[in-house]
Amino acid sequence: MGSARAEPRPAAALVLGLLLPALAFAQPTASQPSSMKTVYCCEVSNQPVCSDILPPVCYGRAYREISPNGTVRRVVPAPLTTEEIARRDADERRRRAEEARRLKQLRLDQALLETYRSIDDLDGRRDRELAELDRTLRDLRRRETELLERQGALIDEAARGVGGIPAAERDEDIRSLDREIVAQRSVIDAKLRERAAVLDRFEEDRQRYLELTSPAEHAPGR
């Protein structure tokens, strides 16, 4: 008596169900040997659609290239949508911008380490620049004081009616001094802003220098 034929297992039956339609198209023909035959399959409404040429319904979809023995030779993804292309391009722009920032920071760090031999060298450079700015500010304020004193003297002469200078000429001198004082104060304000910027710049450089030269930055595993 013959033995009972074993029933296919569910998983095996599923694989066979998916491959049989593809293999049906893969029979060799007189014009093309079986070793060269390729079947193209895509999914339409969760159903495989296969042919020995790419079916028109597969255009714009992901598809598989399957050999006659059922092996998937290649999986071709679906073309990107307009939104996917836009996201990809935006991601690439962000990646390039981040890489540019990283390279710029590397150049700045290298320049910082080459400029200063130590943190004391950096502090000394800062103090010299500030000292030079402070000397300039003292000279500017001294000139401002001289202008104010000269203008005050002319105003006092005009009030007391002395000085031997015609009133119209003295009034013009007072107005001229007023313009000089305003210009002088503008220069002083610009120098004060420059001094503040120098302090900020050196403070940033100091913090970064300490980060780059800290032993923890060069410890194993970092």
C-alpha atoms as a PDB file:
ATOM      1  CA  MET A   1       0.000   0.000   0.000  1.00  0.00           C
ATOM      2  CA  GLY A   2       1.451   3.417  -1.001  1.00  0.00           C
ATOM      3  CA  SER A   3       2.367   5.934   1.682  1.00  0.00           C
ATOM      4  CA  ALA A   4       0.163   9.027   2.133  1.00  0.00           C
ATOM      5  CA  ARG A   5       1.431  12.173   0.387  1.00  0.00           C
ATOM      6  CA  ALA A   6       2.567  14.829   2.890  1.00  0.00           C
ATOM      7  CA  GLU A   7       0.554  18.054   2.859  1.00  0.00           C
ATOM      8  CA  PRO A   8       2.620  21.241   2.180  1.00  0.00           C
ATOM      9  CA  ARG A   9       3.253  23.356   5.230  1.00  0.00           C
ATOM     10  CA  PRO A  10       1.501  26.764   5.248  1.00  0.00           C
ATOM     11  CA  ALA A  11       4.742  28.742   4.906  1.00  0.00           C
ATOM     12  CA  ALA A  12       5.941  26.622   2.002  1.00  0.00           C
ATOM     13  CA  ALA A  13       2.563  26.881   0.331  1.00  0.00           C
ATOM     14  CA  LEU A  14       2.721  30.679   0.576  1.00  0.00           C
ATOM     15  CA  VAL A  15       6.173  30.802  -1.067  1.00  0.00           C
ATOM     16  CA  LEU A  16       5.038  28.494  -3.844  1.00  0.00           C
ATOM     17  CA  GLY A  17       1.931  30.594  -4.392  1.00  0.00           C
ATOM     18  CA  LEU A  18       4.031  33.706  -4.916  1.00  0.00           C
ATOM     19  CA  LEU A  19       6.622  32.101  -7.175  1.00  0.00           C
ATOM     20  CA  LEU A  20       4.419  29.961  -9.417  1.00  0.00           C
ATOM     21  CA  PRO A  21       2.977  32.929 -11.364  1.00  0.00           C
ATOM     22  CA  ALA A  22       6.481  34.217 -11.984  1.00  0.00           C
ATOM     23  CA  LEU A  23       7.828  30.824 -12.980  1.00  0.00           C
ATOM     24  CA  ALA A  24       4.938  30.309 -15.377  1.00  0.00           C
ATOM     25  CA  PHE A  25       6.346  33.181 -17.439  1.00  0.00           C
ATOM     26  CA  ALA A  26       9.881  31.871 -17.122  1.00  0.00           C
ATOM     27  CA  GLN A  27       9.562  28.865 -19.430  1.00  0.00           C
ATOM     28  CA  PRO A  28      12.321  28.937 -22.016  1.00  0.00           C
ATOM     29  CA  THR A  29      11.475  29.827 -25.581  1.00  0.00           C
ATOM     30  CA  ALA A  30      13.289  29.120 -28.823  1.00  0.00           C
ATOM     31  CA  SER A  31      14.491  32.719 -28.975  1.00  0.00           C
ATOM     32  CA  GLN A  32      15.787  32.947 -25.383  1.00  0.00           C
ATOM     33  CA  PRO A  33      17.481  30.176 -23.368  1.00  0.00           C
ATOM     34  CA  SER A  34      16.254  29.566 -19.814  1.00  0.00           C
ATOM     35  CA  SER A  35      19.578  30.713 -18.334  1.00  0.00           C
ATOM     36  CA  MET A  36      18.900  34.232 -19.632  1.00  0.00           C
ATOM     37  CA  LYS A  37      15.178  34.476 -18.949  1.00  0.00           C
ATOM     38  CA  THR A  38      14.147  37.153 -16.421  1.00  0.00           C
ATOM     39  CA  VAL A  39      10.685  37.736 -15.002  1.00  0.00           C
ATOM     40  CA  TYR A  40       9.624  41.175 -13.801  1.00  0.00           C
ATOM     41  CA  CYS A  41       7.098  41.319 -10.949  1.00  0.00           C
ATOM     42  CA  CYS A  42       5.437  44.120  -9.031  1.00  0.00           C
ATOM     43  CA  GLU A  43       2.612  44.280  -6.514  1.00  0.00           C
ATOM     44  CA  VAL A  44      -0.731  45.749  -7.549  1.00  0.00           C
ATOM     45  CA  SER A  45      -3.460  45.751  -4.902  1.00  0.00           C
ATOM     46  CA  ASN A  46      -1.384  43.230  -2.916  1.00  0.00           C
ATOM     47  CA  GLN A  47      -1.314  40.842  -5.906  1.00  0.00           C
ATOM     48  CA  PRO A  48       1.826  39.997  -7.924  1.00  0.00           C
ATOM     49  CA  VAL A  49       1.819  41.022 -11.579  1.00  0.00           C
ATOM     50  CA  CYS A  50       4.610  39.391 -13.582  1.00  0.00           C
ATOM     51  CA  SER A  51       5.858  39.181 -17.165  1.00  0.00           C
ATOM     52  CA  ASP A  52       9.048  38.535 -19.111  1.00  0.00           C
ATOM     53  CA  ILE A  53       9.025  42.268 -19.887  1.00  0.00           C
ATOM     54  CA  LEU A  54       8.174  44.940 -17.370  1.00  0.00           C
ATOM     55  CA  PRO A  55       4.359  45.155 -17.303  1.00  0.00           C
ATOM     56  CA  PRO A  56       3.033  48.664 -17.999  1.00  0.00           C
ATOM     57  CA  VAL A  57       1.133  48.556 -14.696  1.00  0.00           C
ATOM     58  CA  CYS A  58       4.501  48.310 -12.941  1.00  0.00           C
ATOM     59  CA  TYR A  59       5.715  51.653 -14.294  1.00  0.00           C
ATOM     60  CA  GLY A  60       6.262  54.007 -11.382  1.00  0.00           C
ATOM     61  CA  ARG A  61       6.203  51.124  -8.868  1.00  0.00           C
ATOM     62  CA  ALA A  62       8.841  49.067  -7.117  1.00  0.00           C
ATOM     63  CA  TYR A  63       9.481  45.795  -8.932  1.00  0.00           C
ATOM     64  CA  ARG A  64      11.600  42.625  -8.703  1.00  0.00           C
ATOM     65  CA  GLU A  65      13.713  40.885 -11.299  1.00  0.00           C
ATOM     66  CA  ILE A  66      13.400  37.114 -10.799  1.00  0.00           C
ATOM     67  CA  SER A  67      15.478  34.338 -12.367  1.00  0.00           C
ATOM     68  CA  PRO A  68      13.892  31.178 -13.801  1.00  0.00           C
ATOM     69  CA  ASN A  69      14.694  29.273 -10.611  1.00  0.00           C
ATOM     70  CA  GLY A  70      12.790  31.808  -8.512  1.00  0.00           C
ATOM     71  CA  THR A  71      15.787  33.745  -7.169  1.00  0.00           C
ATOM     72  CA  VAL A  72      15.313  37.491  -6.870  1.00  0.00           C
ATOM     73  CA  ARG A  73      18.144  38.982  -8.844  1.00  0.00           C
ATOM     74  CA  ARG A  74      17.416  42.629  -8.144  1.00  0.00           C
ATOM     75  CA  VAL A  75      14.859  44.822  -6.403  1.00  0.00           C
ATOM     76  CA  VAL A  76      14.247  48.174  -8.090  1.00  0.00           C
ATOM     77  CA  PRO A  77      12.637  50.738  -5.769  1.00  0.00           C
ATOM     78  CA  ALA A  78       9.793  52.949  -6.885  1.00  0.00           C
ATOM     79  CA  PRO A  79      10.772  56.402  -8.191  1.00  0.00           C
ATOM     80  CA  LEU A  80      10.772  59.133  -5.561  1.00  0.00           C
ATOM     81  CA  THR A  81       7.714  61.346  -5.336  1.00  0.00           C
ATOM     82  CA  THR A  82       8.017  65.137  -5.599  1.00  0.00           C
ATOM     83  CA  GLU A  83       7.717  65.424  -1.812  1.00  0.00           C
ATOM     84  CA  GLU A  84      10.375  62.756  -1.261  1.00  0.00           C
ATOM     85  CA  ILE A  85      12.750  64.496  -3.664  1.00  0.00           C
ATOM     86  CA  ALA A  86      12.195  67.794  -1.828  1.00  0.00           C
ATOM     87  CA  ARG A  87      12.913  66.127   1.542  1.00  0.00           C
ATOM     88  CA  ARG A  88      16.002  64.417   0.164  1.00  0.00           C
ATOM     89  CA  ASP A  89      17.341  67.683  -1.259  1.00  0.00           C
ATOM     90  CA  ALA A  90      16.606  69.527   1.999  1.00  0.00           C
ATOM     91  CA  ASP A  91      18.419  66.830   3.980  1.00  0.00           C
ATOM     92  CA  GLU A  92      21.385  67.076   1.634  1.00  0.00           C
ATOM     93  CA  ARG A  93      21.527  70.867   2.009  1.00  0.00           C
ATOM     94  CA  ARG A  94      21.442  70.513   5.793  1.00  0.00           C
ATOM     95  CA  ARG A  95      24.166  67.884   5.674  1.00  0.00           C
ATOM     96  CA  ARG A  96      26.391  70.090   3.513  1.00  0.00           C
ATOM     97  CA  ALA A  97      25.780  73.133   5.721  1.00  0.00           C
ATOM     98  CA  GLU A  98      26.657  71.122   8.828  1.00  0.00           C
ATOM     99  CA  GLU A  99      29.802  69.805   7.170  1.00  0.00           C
ATOM    100  CA  ALA A 100      30.792  73.351   6.174  1.00  0.00           C
ATOM    101  CA  ARG A 101      30.285  74.515   9.772  1.00  0.00           C
ATOM    102  CA  ARG A 102      32.350  71.611  11.066  1.00  0.00           C
ATOM    103  CA  LEU A 103      35.229  72.331   8.689  1.00  0.00           C
ATOM    104  CA  LYS A 104      35.108  76.043   9.508  1.00  0.00           C
ATOM    105  CA  GLN A 105      35.313  75.287  13.236  1.00  0.00           C
ATOM    106  CA  LEU A 106      38.281  72.988  12.622  1.00  0.00           C
ATOM    107  CA  ARG A 107      40.093  75.799  10.793  1.00  0.00           C
ATOM    108  CA  LEU A 108      39.305  78.275  13.571  1.00  0.00           C
ATOM    109  CA  ASP A 109      40.497  75.851  16.239  1.00  0.00           C
ATOM    110  CA  GLN A 110      43.733  75.202  14.378  1.00  0.00           C
ATOM    111  CA  ALA A 111      44.347  78.934  13.962  1.00  0.00           C
ATOM    112  CA  LEU A 112      43.652  79.508  17.661  1.00  0.00           C
ATOM    113  CA  LEU A 113      46.153  76.855  18.740  1.00  0.00           C
ATOM    114  CA  GLU A 114      48.762  78.258  16.345  1.00  0.00           C
ATOM    115  CA  THR A 115      48.246  81.856  17.530  1.00  0.00           C
ATOM    116  CA  TYR A 116      48.734  81.318  21.271  1.00  0.00           C
ATOM    117  CA  ARG A 117      51.408  79.211  22.935  1.00  0.00           C
ATOM    118  CA  SER A 118      49.503  79.059  26.234  1.00  0.00           C
ATOM    119  CA  ILE A 119      46.574  80.558  28.122  1.00  0.00           C
ATOM    120  CA  ASP A 120      48.980  83.103  29.660  1.00  0.00           C
ATOM    121  CA  ASP A 121      50.064  84.130  26.162  1.00  0.00           C
ATOM    122  CA  LEU A 122      46.400  84.710  25.260  1.00  0.00           C
ATOM    123  CA  ASP A 123      45.757  86.755  28.412  1.00  0.00           C
ATOM    124  CA  GLY A 124      48.845  88.850  27.761  1.00  0.00           C
ATOM    125  CA  ARG A 125      47.734  89.629  24.206  1.00  0.00           C
ATOM    126  CA  ARG A 126      44.310  90.667  25.513  1.00  0.00           C
ATOM    127  CA  ASP A 127      45.779  92.940  28.173  1.00  0.00           C
ATOM    128  CA  ARG A 128      48.048  94.692  25.651  1.00  0.00           C
ATOM    129  CA  GLU A 129      45.171  95.394  23.267  1.00  0.00           C
ATOM    130  CA  LEU A 130      43.011  96.723  26.086  1.00  0.00           C
ATOM    131  CA  ALA A 131      45.834  98.906  27.370  1.00  0.00           C
ATOM    132  CA  GLU A 132      46.273 100.471  23.925  1.00  0.00           C
ATOM    133  CA  LEU A 133      42.541 101.155  23.651  1.00  0.00           C
ATOM    134  CA  ASP A 134      42.509 102.677  27.145  1.00  0.00           C
ATOM    135  CA  ARG A 135      45.322 105.066  26.195  1.00  0.00           C
ATOM    136  CA  THR A 136      43.383 106.149  23.141  1.00  0.00           C
ATOM    137  CA  LEU A 137      40.250 106.673  25.231  1.00  0.00           C
ATOM    138  CA  ARG A 138      42.149 108.814  27.720  1.00  0.00           C
ATOM    139  CA  ASP A 139      43.432 111.025  24.895  1.00  0.00           C
ATOM    140  CA  LEU A 140      39.947 111.355  23.417  1.00  0.00           C
ATOM    141  CA  ARG A 141      38.413 112.273  26.758  1.00  0.00           C
ATOM    142  CA  ARG A 142      41.165 114.782  27.425  1.00  0.00           C
ATOM    143  CA  ARG A 143      40.361 116.456  24.124  1.00  0.00           C
ATOM    144  CA  GLU A 144      36.648 116.380  24.971  1.00  0.00           C
ATOM    145  CA  THR A 145      37.373 118.088  28.276  1.00  0.00           C
ATOM    146  CA  GLU A 146      39.399 120.802  26.531  1.00  0.00           C
ATOM    147  CA  LEU A 147      36.560 121.476  24.098  1.00  0.00           C
ATOM    148  CA  LEU A 148      34.007 121.643  26.904  1.00  0.00           C
ATOM    149  CA  GLU A 149      36.202 124.048  28.883  1.00  0.00           C
ATOM    150  CA  ARG A 150      36.734 126.278  25.843  1.00  0.00           C
ATOM    151  CA  GLN A 151      33.016 126.328  25.087  1.00  0.00           C
ATOM    152  CA  GLY A 152      32.194 127.038  28.729  1.00  0.00           C
ATOM    153  CA  ALA A 153      34.587 129.982  28.756  1.00  0.00           C
ATOM    154  CA  LEU A 154      32.961 131.479  25.644  1.00  0.00           C
ATOM    155  CA  ILE A 155      29.476 131.032  27.095  1.00  0.00           C
ATOM    156  CA  ASP A 156      30.618 132.723  30.318  1.00  0.00           C
ATOM    157  CA  GLU A 157      32.133 135.637  28.356  1.00  0.00           C
ATOM    158  CA  ALA A 158      28.908 136.039  26.426  1.00  0.00           C
ATOM    159  CA  ALA A 159      26.896 136.076  29.648  1.00  0.00           C
ATOM    160  CA  ARG A 160      29.119 138.726  31.244  1.00  0.00           C
ATOM    161  CA  GLY A 161      29.570 140.746  28.044  1.00  0.00           C
ATOM    162  CA  VAL A 162      33.375 140.606  28.156  1.00  0.00           C
ATOM    163  CA  GLY A 163      36.136 139.141  26.014  1.00  0.00           C
ATOM    164  CA  GLY A 164      36.447 141.715  23.224  1.00  0.00           C
ATOM    165  CA  ILE A 165      34.997 139.364  20.572  1.00  0.00           C
ATOM    166  CA  PRO A 166      31.969 140.409  18.503  1.00  0.00           C
ATOM    167  CA  ALA A 167      28.853 138.630  19.699  1.00  0.00           C
ATOM    168  CA  ALA A 168      28.099 137.072  16.291  1.00  0.00           C
ATOM    169  CA  GLU A 169      31.634 135.685  16.005  1.00  0.00           C
ATOM    170  CA  ARG A 170      31.537 134.334  19.550  1.00  0.00           C
ATOM    171  CA  ASP A 171      28.177 132.654  18.948  1.00  0.00           C
ATOM    172  CA  GLU A 172      29.577 130.959  15.855  1.00  0.00           C
ATOM    173  CA  ASP A 173      32.590 129.757  17.876  1.00  0.00           C
ATOM    174  CA  ILE A 174      30.240 128.287  20.485  1.00  0.00           C
ATOM    175  CA  ARG A 175      28.223 126.461  17.818  1.00  0.00           C
ATOM    176  CA  SER A 176      31.433 125.192  16.151  1.00  0.00           C
ATOM    177  CA  LEU A 177      32.700 123.845  19.478  1.00  0.00           C
ATOM    178  CA  ASP A 178      29.335 122.181  20.041  1.00  0.00           C
ATOM    179  CA  ARG A 179      29.741 120.288  16.753  1.00  0.00           C
ATOM    180  CA  GLU A 180      33.281 119.245  17.680  1.00  0.00           C
ATOM    181  CA  ILE A 181      32.113 117.981  21.054  1.00  0.00           C
ATOM    182  CA  VAL A 182      29.386 115.874  19.450  1.00  0.00           C
ATOM    183  CA  ALA A 183      31.910 114.417  16.981  1.00  0.00           C
ATOM    184  CA  GLN A 184      34.381 113.728  19.775  1.00  0.00           C
ATOM    185  CA  ARG A 185      31.772 111.874  21.812  1.00  0.00           C
ATOM    186  CA  SER A 186      30.877 109.814  18.745  1.00  0.00           C
ATOM    187  CA  VAL A 187      34.505 108.712  18.432  1.00  0.00           C
ATOM    188  CA  ILE A 188      34.617 107.894  22.138  1.00  0.00           C
ATOM    189  CA  ASP A 189      31.461 105.775  21.871  1.00  0.00           C
ATOM    190  CA  ALA A 190      32.947 103.886  18.909  1.00  0.00           C
ATOM    191  CA  LYS A 191      36.120 103.159  20.883  1.00  0.00           C
ATOM    192  CA  LEU A 192      34.073 101.948  23.843  1.00  0.00           C
ATOM    193  CA  ARG A 193      32.215  99.532  21.553  1.00  0.00           C
ATOM    194  CA  GLU A 194      35.532  98.366  20.131  1.00  0.00           C
ATOM    195  CA  ARG A 195      36.842  97.727  23.647  1.00  0.00           C
ATOM    196  CA  ALA A 196      33.745  95.691  24.527  1.00  0.00           C
ATOM    197  CA  ALA A 197      34.147  93.669  21.338  1.00  0.00           C
ATOM    198  CA  VAL A 198      37.788  92.941  22.171  1.00  0.00           C
ATOM    199  CA  LEU A 199      36.774  91.687  25.610  1.00  0.00           C
ATOM    200  CA  ASP A 200      34.076  89.445  24.121  1.00  0.00           C
ATOM    201  CA  ARG A 201      36.405  88.071  21.458  1.00  0.00           C
ATOM    202  CA  PHE A 202      39.160  87.223  23.893  1.00  0.00           C
ATOM    203  CA  GLU A 203      36.703  85.666  26.328  1.00  0.00           C
ATOM    204  CA  GLU A 204      35.358  83.389  23.567  1.00  0.00           C
ATOM    205  CA  ASP A 205      38.890  82.515  22.447  1.00  0.00           C
ATOM    206  CA  ARG A 206      39.914  81.831  26.047  1.00  0.00           C
ATOM    207  CA  GLN A 207      37.025  79.438  26.691  1.00  0.00           C
ATOM    208  CA  ARG A 208      37.625  77.592  23.421  1.00  0.00           C
ATOM    209  CA  TYR A 209      41.367  77.405  24.040  1.00  0.00           C
ATOM    210  CA  LEU A 210      40.748  75.846  27.440  1.00  0.00           C
ATOM    211  CA  GLU A 211      38.355  73.322  25.874  1.00  0.00           C
ATOM    212  CA  LEU A 212      40.905  72.355  23.225  1.00  0.00           C
ATOM    213  CA  THR A 213      43.830  72.050  25.627  1.00  0.00           C
ATOM    214  CA  SER A 214      42.020  70.466  28.574  1.00  0.00           C
ATOM    215  CA  PRO A 215      43.446  67.013  29.438  1.00  0.00           C
ATOM    216  CA  ALA A 216      39.887  65.631  29.439  1.00  0.00           C
ATOM    217  CA  GLU A 217      39.595  66.454  25.745  1.00  0.00           C
ATOM    218  CA  HIS A 218      42.512  64.129  24.971  1.00  0.00           C
ATOM    219  CA  ALA A 219      41.651  61.344  27.389  1.00  0.00           C
ATOM    220  CA  PRO A 220      41.225  57.824  25.905  1.00  0.00           C
ATOM    221  CA  GLY A 221      37.733  57.138  24.674  1.00  0.00           C
ATOM    222  CA  ARG A 222      36.865  60.749  23.865  1.00  0.00           C
END
